[in-house]
Amino acid sequence: ATDVKVPMSTYGIGPIFGLVAIVLTVAGILLRDKWIFKSGIPD
């Protein structure tokens, strides 16, 4: 073969980033009224 290019990735870094985004978002929602984070909720 000559001048062969690697096929483009369908997903790229999507699964890694998506998983990190889900974990951090869920953690943020679950921790919203816990410990020191309670003071971040407006009155």
PDB file of all heavy atoms in Angstrom:
ATOM      1  N   ALA A   1       0.844  -1.195   0.000  1.00  0.00           N
ATOM      2  CA  ALA A   1       0.000   0.000   0.000  1.00  0.00           C
ATOM      3  C   ALA A   1       0.877   1.242   0.000  1.00  0.00           C
ATOM      4  O   ALA A   1       1.940   1.269   0.608  1.00  0.00           O
ATOM      5  CB  ALA A   1      -0.895   0.000   1.225  1.00  0.00           C
ATOM      6  N   THR A   2       0.423   2.240  -0.704  1.00  0.00           N
ATOM      7  CA  THR A   2       1.121   3.525  -0.707  1.00  0.00           C
ATOM      8  C   THR A   2       0.137   4.614  -0.334  1.00  0.00           C
ATOM      9  O   THR A   2      -1.058   4.513  -0.606  1.00  0.00           O
ATOM     10  CB  THR A   2       1.706   3.842  -2.098  1.00  0.00           C
ATOM     11  OG1 THR A   2       0.650   3.838  -3.044  1.00  0.00           O
ATOM     12  CG2 THR A   2       2.750   2.816  -2.499  1.00  0.00           C
ATOM     13  N   ASP A   3       0.642   5.657   0.330  1.00  0.00           N
ATOM     14  CA  ASP A   3      -0.162   6.813   0.701  1.00  0.00           C
ATOM     15  C   ASP A   3      -1.408   6.412   1.491  1.00  0.00           C
ATOM     16  O   ASP A   3      -2.523   6.814   1.189  1.00  0.00           O
ATOM     17  CB  ASP A   3      -0.555   7.620  -0.540  1.00  0.00           C
ATOM     18  CG  ASP A   3      -1.045   9.010  -0.143  1.00  0.00           C
ATOM     19  OD1 ASP A   3      -0.615   9.527   0.890  1.00  0.00           O
ATOM     20  OD2 ASP A   3      -1.878   9.542  -0.863  1.00  0.00           O
ATOM     21  N   VAL A   4      -1.219   5.551   2.490  1.00  0.00           N
ATOM     22  CA  VAL A   4      -2.335   5.075   3.300  1.00  0.00           C
ATOM     23  C   VAL A   4      -2.526   6.021   4.480  1.00  0.00           C
ATOM     24  O   VAL A   4      -1.571   6.397   5.143  1.00  0.00           O
ATOM     25  CB  VAL A   4      -2.063   3.649   3.829  1.00  0.00           C
ATOM     26  CG1 VAL A   4      -3.154   3.205   4.764  1.00  0.00           C
ATOM     27  CG2 VAL A   4      -1.922   2.696   2.677  1.00  0.00           C
ATOM     28  N   LYS A   5      -3.776   6.395   4.730  1.00  0.00           N
ATOM     29  CA  LYS A   5      -4.093   7.218   5.895  1.00  0.00           C
ATOM     30  C   LYS A   5      -4.892   6.379   6.875  1.00  0.00           C
ATOM     31  O   LYS A   5      -5.736   5.585   6.482  1.00  0.00           O
ATOM     32  CB  LYS A   5      -4.904   8.446   5.474  1.00  0.00           C
ATOM     33  CG  LYS A   5      -4.102   9.413   4.638  1.00  0.00           C
ATOM     34  CD  LYS A   5      -4.886  10.666   4.369  1.00  0.00           C
ATOM     35  CE  LYS A   5      -4.025  11.616   3.547  1.00  0.00           C
ATOM     36  NZ  LYS A   5      -4.676  12.851   3.264  1.00  0.00           N
ATOM     37  N   VAL A   6      -4.618   6.581   8.140  1.00  0.00           N
ATOM     38  CA  VAL A   6      -5.363   5.889   9.174  1.00  0.00           C
ATOM     39  C   VAL A   6      -6.798   6.396   9.140  1.00  0.00           C
ATOM     40  O   VAL A   6      -7.035   7.595   9.024  1.00  0.00           O
ATOM     41  CB  VAL A   6      -4.731   6.160  10.564  1.00  0.00           C
ATOM     42  CG1 VAL A   6      -5.529   5.527  11.667  1.00  0.00           C
ATOM     43  CG2 VAL A   6      -3.292   5.690  10.579  1.00  0.00           C
ATOM     44  N   PRO A   7      -7.778   5.490   9.236  1.00  0.00           N
ATOM     45  CA  PRO A   7      -9.168   5.951   9.197  1.00  0.00           C
ATOM     46  C   PRO A   7      -9.479   6.882  10.358  1.00  0.00           C
ATOM     47  O   PRO A   7      -8.898   6.758  11.432  1.00  0.00           O
ATOM     48  CB  PRO A   7      -9.992   4.664   9.290  1.00  0.00           C
ATOM     49  CG  PRO A   7      -9.039   3.574   9.582  1.00  0.00           C
ATOM     50  CD  PRO A   7      -7.656   4.074   9.392  1.00  0.00           C
ATOM     51  N   MET A   8     -10.390   7.817  10.127  1.00  0.00           N
ATOM     52  CA  MET A   8     -10.788   8.751  11.174  1.00  0.00           C
ATOM     53  C   MET A   8     -11.568   7.997  12.245  1.00  0.00           C
ATOM     54  O   MET A   8     -12.359   7.114  11.948  1.00  0.00           O
ATOM     55  CB  MET A   8     -11.654   9.872  10.577  1.00  0.00           C
ATOM     56  CG  MET A   8     -10.843  10.814   9.711  1.00  0.00           C
ATOM     57  SD  MET A   8     -11.813  12.048   8.812  1.00  0.00           S
ATOM     58  CE  MET A   8     -12.821  12.779  10.051  1.00  0.00           C
ATOM     59  N   SER A   9     -11.348   8.368  13.475  1.00  0.00           N
ATOM     60  CA  SER A   9     -12.045   7.747  14.592  1.00  0.00           C
ATOM     61  C   SER A   9     -13.493   8.228  14.633  1.00  0.00           C
ATOM     62  O   SER A   9     -13.766   9.407  14.472  1.00  0.00           O
ATOM     63  CB  SER A   9     -11.339   8.120  15.894  1.00  0.00           C
ATOM     64  OG  SER A   9     -12.103   7.734  16.999  1.00  0.00           O
ATOM     65  N   THR A  10     -14.394   7.302  14.860  1.00  0.00           N
ATOM     66  CA  THR A  10     -15.810   7.659  14.953  1.00  0.00           C
ATOM     67  C   THR A  10     -16.108   8.330  16.285  1.00  0.00           C
ATOM     68  O   THR A  10     -16.878   9.276  16.345  1.00  0.00           O
ATOM     69  CB  THR A  10     -16.684   6.402  14.798  1.00  0.00           C
ATOM     70  OG1 THR A  10     -16.366   5.798  13.548  1.00  0.00           O
ATOM     71  CG2 THR A  10     -18.157   6.738  14.843  1.00  0.00           C
ATOM     72  N   TYR A  11     -15.495   7.855  17.349  1.00  0.00           N
ATOM     73  CA  TYR A  11     -15.827   8.355  18.681  1.00  0.00           C
ATOM     74  C   TYR A  11     -14.792   9.307  19.249  1.00  0.00           C
ATOM     75  O   TYR A  11     -15.101  10.103  20.119  1.00  0.00           O
ATOM     76  CB  TYR A  11     -16.032   7.189  19.650  1.00  0.00           C
ATOM     77  CG  TYR A  11     -17.130   6.269  19.208  1.00  0.00           C
ATOM     78  CD1 TYR A  11     -16.853   5.000  18.732  1.00  0.00           C
ATOM     79  CD2 TYR A  11     -18.453   6.689  19.234  1.00  0.00           C
ATOM     80  CE1 TYR A  11     -17.864   4.166  18.312  1.00  0.00           C
ATOM     81  CE2 TYR A  11     -19.468   5.862  18.811  1.00  0.00           C
ATOM     82  CZ  TYR A  11     -19.168   4.599  18.353  1.00  0.00           C
ATOM     83  OH  TYR A  11     -20.164   3.787  17.936  1.00  0.00           O
ATOM     84  N   GLY A  12     -13.558   9.219  18.822  1.00  0.00           N
ATOM     85  CA  GLY A  12     -12.523  10.084  19.362  1.00  0.00           C
ATOM     86  C   GLY A  12     -12.394   9.920  20.863  1.00  0.00           C
ATOM     87  O   GLY A  12     -12.445   8.820  21.393  1.00  0.00           O
ATOM     88  N   ILE A  13     -12.267  11.037  21.541  1.00  0.00           N
ATOM     89  CA  ILE A  13     -12.142  11.012  23.003  1.00  0.00           C
ATOM     90  C   ILE A  13     -13.510  11.085  23.676  1.00  0.00           C
ATOM     91  O   ILE A  13     -13.606  11.195  24.891  1.00  0.00           O
ATOM     92  CB  ILE A  13     -11.259  12.176  23.489  1.00  0.00           C
ATOM     93  CG1 ILE A  13     -11.842  13.507  23.023  1.00  0.00           C
ATOM     94  CG2 ILE A  13      -9.830  11.994  23.047  1.00  0.00           C
ATOM     95  CD1 ILE A  13     -11.208  14.707  23.654  1.00  0.00           C
ATOM     96  N   GLY A  14     -14.565  11.003  22.874  1.00  0.00           N
ATOM     97  CA  GLY A  14     -15.934  11.139  23.377  1.00  0.00           C
ATOM     98  C   GLY A  14     -16.275  10.267  24.569  1.00  0.00           C
ATOM     99  O   GLY A  14     -16.798  10.759  25.574  1.00  0.00           O
ATOM    100  N   PRO A  15     -16.015   8.955  24.512  1.00  0.00           N
ATOM    101  CA  PRO A  15     -16.371   8.115  25.660  1.00  0.00           C
ATOM    102  C   PRO A  15     -15.652   8.519  26.944  1.00  0.00           C
ATOM    103  O   PRO A  15     -16.262   8.532  28.014  1.00  0.00           O
ATOM    104  CB  PRO A  15     -15.950   6.705  25.213  1.00  0.00           C
ATOM    105  CG  PRO A  15     -16.012   6.765  23.719  1.00  0.00           C
ATOM    106  CD  PRO A  15     -15.575   8.167  23.362  1.00  0.00           C
ATOM    107  N   ILE A  16     -14.379   8.869  26.844  1.00  0.00           N
ATOM    108  CA  ILE A  16     -13.622   9.281  28.039  1.00  0.00           C
ATOM    109  C   ILE A  16     -14.194  10.585  28.590  1.00  0.00           C
ATOM    110  O   ILE A  16     -14.503  10.698  29.774  1.00  0.00           O
ATOM    111  CB  ILE A  16     -12.126   9.466  27.713  1.00  0.00           C
ATOM    112  CG1 ILE A  16     -11.505   8.135  27.324  1.00  0.00           C
ATOM    113  CG2 ILE A  16     -11.379  10.107  28.871  1.00  0.00           C
ATOM    114  CD1 ILE A  16     -10.133   8.253  26.709  1.00  0.00           C
ATOM    115  N   PHE A  17     -14.338  11.580  27.700  1.00  0.00           N
ATOM    116  CA  PHE A  17     -14.844  12.866  28.154  1.00  0.00           C
ATOM    117  C   PHE A  17     -16.277  12.751  28.663  1.00  0.00           C
ATOM    118  O   PHE A  17     -16.621  13.337  29.693  1.00  0.00           O
ATOM    119  CB  PHE A  17     -14.762  13.912  27.039  1.00  0.00           C
ATOM    120  CG  PHE A  17     -15.320  15.236  27.456  1.00  0.00           C
ATOM    121  CD1 PHE A  17     -14.662  16.000  28.399  1.00  0.00           C
ATOM    122  CD2 PHE A  17     -16.522  15.696  26.949  1.00  0.00           C
ATOM    123  CE1 PHE A  17     -15.190  17.217  28.827  1.00  0.00           C
ATOM    124  CE2 PHE A  17     -17.051  16.900  27.359  1.00  0.00           C
ATOM    125  CZ  PHE A  17     -16.386  17.669  28.309  1.00  0.00           C
ATOM    126  N   GLY A  18     -17.109  11.997  27.960  1.00  0.00           N
ATOM    127  CA  GLY A  18     -18.494  11.824  28.382  1.00  0.00           C
ATOM    128  C   GLY A  18     -18.597  11.215  29.768  1.00  0.00           C
ATOM    129  O   GLY A  18     -19.388  11.667  30.602  1.00  0.00           O
ATOM    130  N   LEU A  19     -17.782  10.196  30.039  1.00  0.00           N
ATOM    131  CA  LEU A  19     -17.793   9.546  31.350  1.00  0.00           C
ATOM    132  C   LEU A  19     -17.352  10.510  32.444  1.00  0.00           C
ATOM    133  O   LEU A  19     -17.985  10.605  33.500  1.00  0.00           O
ATOM    134  CB  LEU A  19     -16.898   8.302  31.329  1.00  0.00           C
ATOM    135  CG  LEU A  19     -16.837   7.509  32.632  1.00  0.00           C
ATOM    136  CD1 LEU A  19     -18.209   6.947  32.981  1.00  0.00           C
ATOM    137  CD2 LEU A  19     -15.820   6.395  32.518  1.00  0.00           C
ATOM    138  N   VAL A  20     -16.278  11.247  32.185  1.00  0.00           N
ATOM    139  CA  VAL A  20     -15.803  12.229  33.170  1.00  0.00           C
ATOM    140  C   VAL A  20     -16.876  13.293  33.418  1.00  0.00           C
ATOM    141  O   VAL A  20     -17.138  13.672  34.560  1.00  0.00           O
ATOM    142  CB  VAL A  20     -14.470  12.872  32.714  1.00  0.00           C
ATOM    143  CG1 VAL A  20     -14.102  14.066  33.577  1.00  0.00           C
ATOM    144  CG2 VAL A  20     -13.354  11.843  32.724  1.00  0.00           C
ATOM    145  N   ALA A  21     -17.521  13.767  32.354  1.00  0.00           N
ATOM    146  CA  ALA A  21     -18.566  14.787  32.494  1.00  0.00           C
ATOM    147  C   ALA A  21     -19.743  14.267  33.314  1.00  0.00           C
ATOM    148  O   ALA A  21     -20.259  14.977  34.193  1.00  0.00           O
ATOM    149  CB  ALA A  21     -19.036  15.245  31.117  1.00  0.00           C
ATOM    150  N   ILE A  22     -20.151  13.042  33.066  1.00  0.00           N
ATOM    151  CA  ILE A  22     -21.277  12.459  33.819  1.00  0.00           C
ATOM    152  C   ILE A  22     -20.902  12.317  35.290  1.00  0.00           C
ATOM    153  O   ILE A  22     -21.677  12.709  36.177  1.00  0.00           O
ATOM    154  CB  ILE A  22     -21.685  11.097  33.218  1.00  0.00           C
ATOM    155  CG1 ILE A  22     -22.366  11.308  31.861  1.00  0.00           C
ATOM    156  CG2 ILE A  22     -22.609  10.332  34.162  1.00  0.00           C
ATOM    157  CD1 ILE A  22     -22.572  10.034  31.061  1.00  0.00           C
ATOM    158  N   VAL A  23     -19.725  11.773  35.560  1.00  0.00           N
ATOM    159  CA  VAL A  23     -19.300  11.551  36.955  1.00  0.00           C
ATOM    160  C   VAL A  23     -19.224  12.879  37.711  1.00  0.00           C
ATOM    161  O   VAL A  23     -19.755  13.000  38.826  1.00  0.00           O
ATOM    162  CB  VAL A  23     -17.958  10.787  37.008  1.00  0.00           C
ATOM    163  CG1 VAL A  23     -17.356  10.818  38.404  1.00  0.00           C
ATOM    164  CG2 VAL A  23     -18.140   9.360  36.532  1.00  0.00           C
ATOM    165  N   LEU A  24     -18.575  13.880  37.118  1.00  0.00           N
ATOM    166  CA  LEU A  24     -18.444  15.171  37.809  1.00  0.00           C
ATOM    167  C   LEU A  24     -19.795  15.869  37.986  1.00  0.00           C
ATOM    168  O   LEU A  24     -20.055  16.468  39.029  1.00  0.00           O
ATOM    169  CB  LEU A  24     -17.477  16.084  37.056  1.00  0.00           C
ATOM    170  CG  LEU A  24     -16.001  15.713  37.149  1.00  0.00           C
ATOM    171  CD1 LEU A  24     -15.155  16.692  36.335  1.00  0.00           C
ATOM    172  CD2 LEU A  24     -15.527  15.702  38.595  1.00  0.00           C
ATOM    173  N   THR A  25     -20.659  15.782  36.977  1.00  0.00           N
ATOM    174  CA  THR A  25     -21.968  16.425  37.075  1.00  0.00           C
ATOM    175  C   THR A  25     -22.824  15.759  38.146  1.00  0.00           C
ATOM    176  O   THR A  25     -23.428  16.441  38.985  1.00  0.00           O
ATOM    177  CB  THR A  25     -22.689  16.388  35.711  1.00  0.00           C
ATOM    178  OG1 THR A  25     -21.861  17.037  34.741  1.00  0.00           O
ATOM    179  CG2 THR A  25     -24.036  17.094  35.782  1.00  0.00           C
ATOM    180  N   VAL A  26     -22.871  14.444  38.148  1.00  0.00           N
ATOM    181  CA  VAL A  26     -23.655  13.719  39.159  1.00  0.00           C
ATOM    182  C   VAL A  26     -23.080  13.992  40.553  1.00  0.00           C
ATOM    183  O   VAL A  26     -23.837  14.235  41.503  1.00  0.00           O
ATOM    184  CB  VAL A  26     -23.702  12.208  38.838  1.00  0.00           C
ATOM    185  CG1 VAL A  26     -24.271  11.415  40.006  1.00  0.00           C
ATOM    186  CG2 VAL A  26     -24.525  11.964  37.574  1.00  0.00           C
ATOM    187  N   ALA A  27     -21.756  13.980  40.684  1.00  0.00           N
ATOM    188  CA  ALA A  27     -21.138  14.276  41.983  1.00  0.00           C
ATOM    189  C   ALA A  27     -21.504  15.687  42.435  1.00  0.00           C
ATOM    190  O   ALA A  27     -21.828  15.904  43.609  1.00  0.00           O
ATOM    191  CB  ALA A  27     -19.617  14.121  41.896  1.00  0.00           C
ATOM    192  N   GLY A  28     -21.476  16.640  41.509  1.00  0.00           N
ATOM    193  CA  GLY A  28     -21.844  18.017  41.853  1.00  0.00           C
ATOM    194  C   GLY A  28     -23.283  18.134  42.316  1.00  0.00           C
ATOM    195  O   GLY A  28     -23.586  18.870  43.263  1.00  0.00           O
ATOM    196  N   ILE A  29     -24.174  17.408  41.668  1.00  0.00           N
ATOM    197  CA  ILE A  29     -25.587  17.445  42.056  1.00  0.00           C
ATOM    198  C   ILE A  29     -25.791  16.768  43.413  1.00  0.00           C
ATOM    199  O   ILE A  29     -26.504  17.280  44.286  1.00  0.00           O
ATOM    200  CB  ILE A  29     -26.463  16.792  40.966  1.00  0.00           C
ATOM    201  CG1 ILE A  29     -26.451  17.665  39.706  1.00  0.00           C
ATOM    202  CG2 ILE A  29     -27.887  16.568  41.457  1.00  0.00           C
ATOM    203  CD1 ILE A  29     -27.040  17.011  38.472  1.00  0.00           C
ATOM    204  N   LEU A  30     -25.141  15.618  43.614  1.00  0.00           N
ATOM    205  CA  LEU A  30     -25.300  14.892  44.877  1.00  0.00           C
ATOM    206  C   LEU A  30     -24.664  15.615  46.062  1.00  0.00           C
ATOM    207  O   LEU A  30     -25.147  15.504  47.194  1.00  0.00           O
ATOM    208  CB  LEU A  30     -24.707  13.484  44.753  1.00  0.00           C
ATOM    209  CG  LEU A  30     -25.417  12.538  43.790  1.00  0.00           C
ATOM    210  CD1 LEU A  30     -24.669  11.210  43.696  1.00  0.00           C
ATOM    211  CD2 LEU A  30     -26.865  12.307  44.205  1.00  0.00           C
ATOM    212  N   LEU A  31     -23.612  16.359  45.813  1.00  0.00           N
ATOM    213  CA  LEU A  31     -22.912  17.054  46.901  1.00  0.00           C
ATOM    214  C   LEU A  31     -23.404  18.485  47.122  1.00  0.00           C
ATOM    215  O   LEU A  31     -22.864  19.185  47.969  1.00  0.00           O
ATOM    216  CB  LEU A  31     -21.401  17.077  46.611  1.00  0.00           C
ATOM    217  CG  LEU A  31     -20.696  15.729  46.591  1.00  0.00           C
ATOM    218  CD1 LEU A  31     -19.245  15.893  46.152  1.00  0.00           C
ATOM    219  CD2 LEU A  31     -20.774  15.057  47.960  1.00  0.00           C
ATOM    220  N   ARG A  32     -24.412  18.896  46.406  1.00  0.00           N
ATOM    221  CA  ARG A  32     -24.862  20.296  46.436  1.00  0.00           C
ATOM    222  C   ARG A  32     -25.227  20.784  47.833  1.00  0.00           C
ATOM    223  O   ARG A  32     -25.030  21.939  48.161  1.00  0.00           O
ATOM    224  CB  ARG A  32     -26.021  20.528  45.471  1.00  0.00           C
ATOM    225  CG  ARG A  32     -27.347  19.948  45.935  1.00  0.00           C
ATOM    226  CD  ARG A  32     -28.468  20.246  44.972  1.00  0.00           C
ATOM    227  NE  ARG A  32     -29.034  21.554  45.120  1.00  0.00           N
ATOM    228  CZ  ARG A  32     -29.964  21.896  46.007  1.00  0.00           C
ATOM    229  NH1 ARG A  32     -30.401  21.003  46.869  1.00  0.00           N
ATOM    230  NH2 ARG A  32     -30.426  23.110  46.042  1.00  0.00           N
ATOM    231  N   ASP A  33     -25.776  19.915  48.677  1.00  0.00           N
ATOM    232  CA  ASP A  33     -26.180  20.361  50.015  1.00  0.00           C
ATOM    233  C   ASP A  33     -25.491  19.548  51.120  1.00  0.00           C
ATOM    234  O   ASP A  33     -26.040  19.315  52.175  1.00  0.00           O
ATOM    235  CB  ASP A  33     -27.697  20.309  50.180  1.00  0.00           C
ATOM    236  CG  ASP A  33     -28.279  18.933  49.921  1.00  0.00           C
ATOM    237  OD1 ASP A  33     -27.518  18.010  49.568  1.00  0.00           O
ATOM    238  OD2 ASP A  33     -29.494  18.771  50.070  1.00  0.00           O
ATOM    239  N   LYS A  34     -24.262  19.144  50.835  1.00  0.00           N
ATOM    240  CA  LYS A  34     -23.480  18.376  51.803  1.00  0.00           C
ATOM    241  C   LYS A  34     -22.279  19.203  52.270  1.00  0.00           C
ATOM    242  O   LYS A  34     -21.743  20.023  51.541  1.00  0.00           O
ATOM    243  CB  LYS A  34     -22.953  17.084  51.179  1.00  0.00           C
ATOM    244  CG  LYS A  34     -24.007  16.205  50.544  1.00  0.00           C
ATOM    245  CD  LYS A  34     -24.763  15.415  51.580  1.00  0.00           C
ATOM    246  CE  LYS A  34     -25.639  14.379  50.940  1.00  0.00           C
ATOM    247  NZ  LYS A  34     -27.025  14.709  50.881  1.00  0.00           N
ATOM    248  N   TRP A  35     -21.857  18.955  53.490  1.00  0.00           N
ATOM    249  CA  TRP A  35     -20.655  19.518  54.096  1.00  0.00           C
ATOM    250  C   TRP A  35     -20.523  21.021  53.856  1.00  0.00           C
ATOM    251  O   TRP A  35     -21.456  21.757  54.073  1.00  0.00           O
ATOM    252  CB  TRP A  35     -19.398  18.787  53.612  1.00  0.00           C
ATOM    253  CG  TRP A  35     -19.468  17.309  53.788  1.00  0.00           C
ATOM    254  CD1 TRP A  35     -19.694  16.636  54.953  1.00  0.00           C
ATOM    255  CD2 TRP A  35     -19.360  16.325  52.763  1.00  0.00           C
ATOM    256  NE1 TRP A  35     -19.722  15.295  54.719  1.00  0.00           N
ATOM    257  CE2 TRP A  35     -19.518  15.070  53.383  1.00  0.00           C
ATOM    258  CE3 TRP A  35     -19.138  16.363  51.401  1.00  0.00           C
ATOM    259  CZ2 TRP A  35     -19.450  13.889  52.679  1.00  0.00           C
ATOM    260  CZ3 TRP A  35     -19.066  15.181  50.704  1.00  0.00           C
ATOM    261  CH2 TRP A  35     -19.224  13.967  51.341  1.00  0.00           C
ATOM    262  N   ILE A  36     -19.340  21.422  53.415  1.00  0.00           N
ATOM    263  CA  ILE A  36     -19.080  22.848  53.229  1.00  0.00           C
ATOM    264  C   ILE A  36     -19.803  23.412  52.005  1.00  0.00           C
ATOM    265  O   ILE A  36     -19.901  24.621  51.856  1.00  0.00           O
ATOM    266  CB  ILE A  36     -17.565  23.135  53.098  1.00  0.00           C
ATOM    267  CG1 ILE A  36     -16.968  22.380  51.906  1.00  0.00           C
ATOM    268  CG2 ILE A  36     -16.835  22.777  54.380  1.00  0.00           C
ATOM    269  CD1 ILE A  36     -15.563  22.794  51.560  1.00  0.00           C
ATOM    270  N   PHE A  37     -20.302  22.539  51.149  1.00  0.00           N
ATOM    271  CA  PHE A  37     -20.962  23.017  49.936  1.00  0.00           C
ATOM    272  C   PHE A  37     -22.331  23.645  50.218  1.00  0.00           C
ATOM    273  O   PHE A  37     -22.855  24.361  49.385  1.00  0.00           O
ATOM    274  CB  PHE A  37     -21.130  21.870  48.925  1.00  0.00           C
ATOM    275  CG  PHE A  37     -19.824  21.265  48.504  1.00  0.00           C
ATOM    276  CD1 PHE A  37     -19.560  19.927  48.726  1.00  0.00           C
ATOM    277  CD2 PHE A  37     -18.842  22.038  47.894  1.00  0.00           C
ATOM    278  CE1 PHE A  37     -18.355  19.370  48.341  1.00  0.00           C
ATOM    279  CE2 PHE A  37     -17.628  21.481  47.514  1.00  0.00           C
ATOM    280  CZ  PHE A  37     -17.389  20.141  47.736  1.00  0.00           C
ATOM    281  N   LYS A  38     -22.922  23.383  51.414  1.00  0.00           N
ATOM    282  CA  LYS A  38     -24.241  23.923  51.744  1.00  0.00           C
ATOM    283  C   LYS A  38     -24.316  25.433  51.588  1.00  0.00           C
ATOM    284  O   LYS A  38     -25.341  25.965  51.181  1.00  0.00           O
ATOM    285  CB  LYS A  38     -24.621  23.565  53.189  1.00  0.00           C
ATOM    286  CG  LYS A  38     -25.064  22.168  53.390  1.00  0.00           C
ATOM    287  CD  LYS A  38     -25.479  21.968  54.846  1.00  0.00           C
ATOM    288  CE  LYS A  38     -25.848  20.539  55.093  1.00  0.00           C
ATOM    289  NZ  LYS A  38     -26.265  20.311  56.479  1.00  0.00           N
ATOM    290  N   SER A  39     -23.233  26.107  51.916  1.00  0.00           N
ATOM    291  CA  SER A  39     -23.255  27.574  51.874  1.00  0.00           C
ATOM    292  C   SER A  39     -23.317  28.118  50.447  1.00  0.00           C
ATOM    293  O   SER A  39     -23.516  29.309  50.256  1.00  0.00           O
ATOM    294  CB  SER A  39     -22.032  28.140  52.601  1.00  0.00           C
ATOM    295  OG  SER A  39     -20.845  27.749  51.936  1.00  0.00           O
ATOM    296  N   GLY A  40     -23.182  27.260  49.442  1.00  0.00           N
ATOM    297  CA  GLY A  40     -23.248  27.708  48.052  1.00  0.00           C
ATOM    298  C   GLY A  40     -24.663  27.809  47.514  1.00  0.00           C
ATOM    299  O   GLY A  40     -24.877  28.259  46.381  1.00  0.00           O
ATOM    300  N   ILE A  41     -25.650  27.403  48.314  1.00  0.00           N
ATOM    301  CA  ILE A  41     -27.050  27.468  47.871  1.00  0.00           C
ATOM    302  C   ILE A  41     -27.608  28.825  48.285  1.00  0.00           C
ATOM    303  O   ILE A  41     -27.617  29.171  49.469  1.00  0.00           O
ATOM    304  CB  ILE A  41     -27.881  26.326  48.484  1.00  0.00           C
ATOM    305  CG1 ILE A  41     -27.308  24.975  48.030  1.00  0.00           C
ATOM    306  CG2 ILE A  41     -29.347  26.456  48.101  1.00  0.00           C
ATOM    307  CD1 ILE A  41     -27.938  23.776  48.696  1.00  0.00           C
ATOM    308  N   PRO A  42     -28.093  29.633  47.333  1.00  0.00           N
ATOM    309  CA  PRO A  42     -28.595  30.972  47.673  1.00  0.00           C
ATOM    310  C   PRO A  42     -29.894  30.905  48.481  1.00  0.00           C
ATOM    311  O   PRO A  42     -30.695  29.994  48.317  1.00  0.00           O
ATOM    312  CB  PRO A  42     -28.827  31.617  46.301  1.00  0.00           C
ATOM    313  CG  PRO A  42     -28.992  30.488  45.356  1.00  0.00           C
ATOM    314  CD  PRO A  42     -28.200  29.347  45.906  1.00  0.00           C
ATOM    315  N   ASP A  43     -30.075  31.904  49.357  1.00  0.00           N
ATOM    316  CA  ASP A  43     -31.280  31.989  50.171  1.00  0.00           C
ATOM    317  C   ASP A  43     -32.447  32.579  49.392  1.00  0.00           C
ATOM    318  O   ASP A  43     -33.600  32.278  49.660  1.00  0.00           O
ATOM    319  CB  ASP A  43     -31.024  32.857  51.418  1.00  0.00           C
ATOM    320  CG  ASP A  43     -30.008  32.213  52.350  1.00  0.00           C
ATOM    321  OD1 ASP A  43     -29.908  30.978  52.354  1.00  0.00           O
ATOM    322  OD2 ASP A  43     -29.305  32.961  53.061  1.00  0.00           O
TER     323      ASP A  43
END
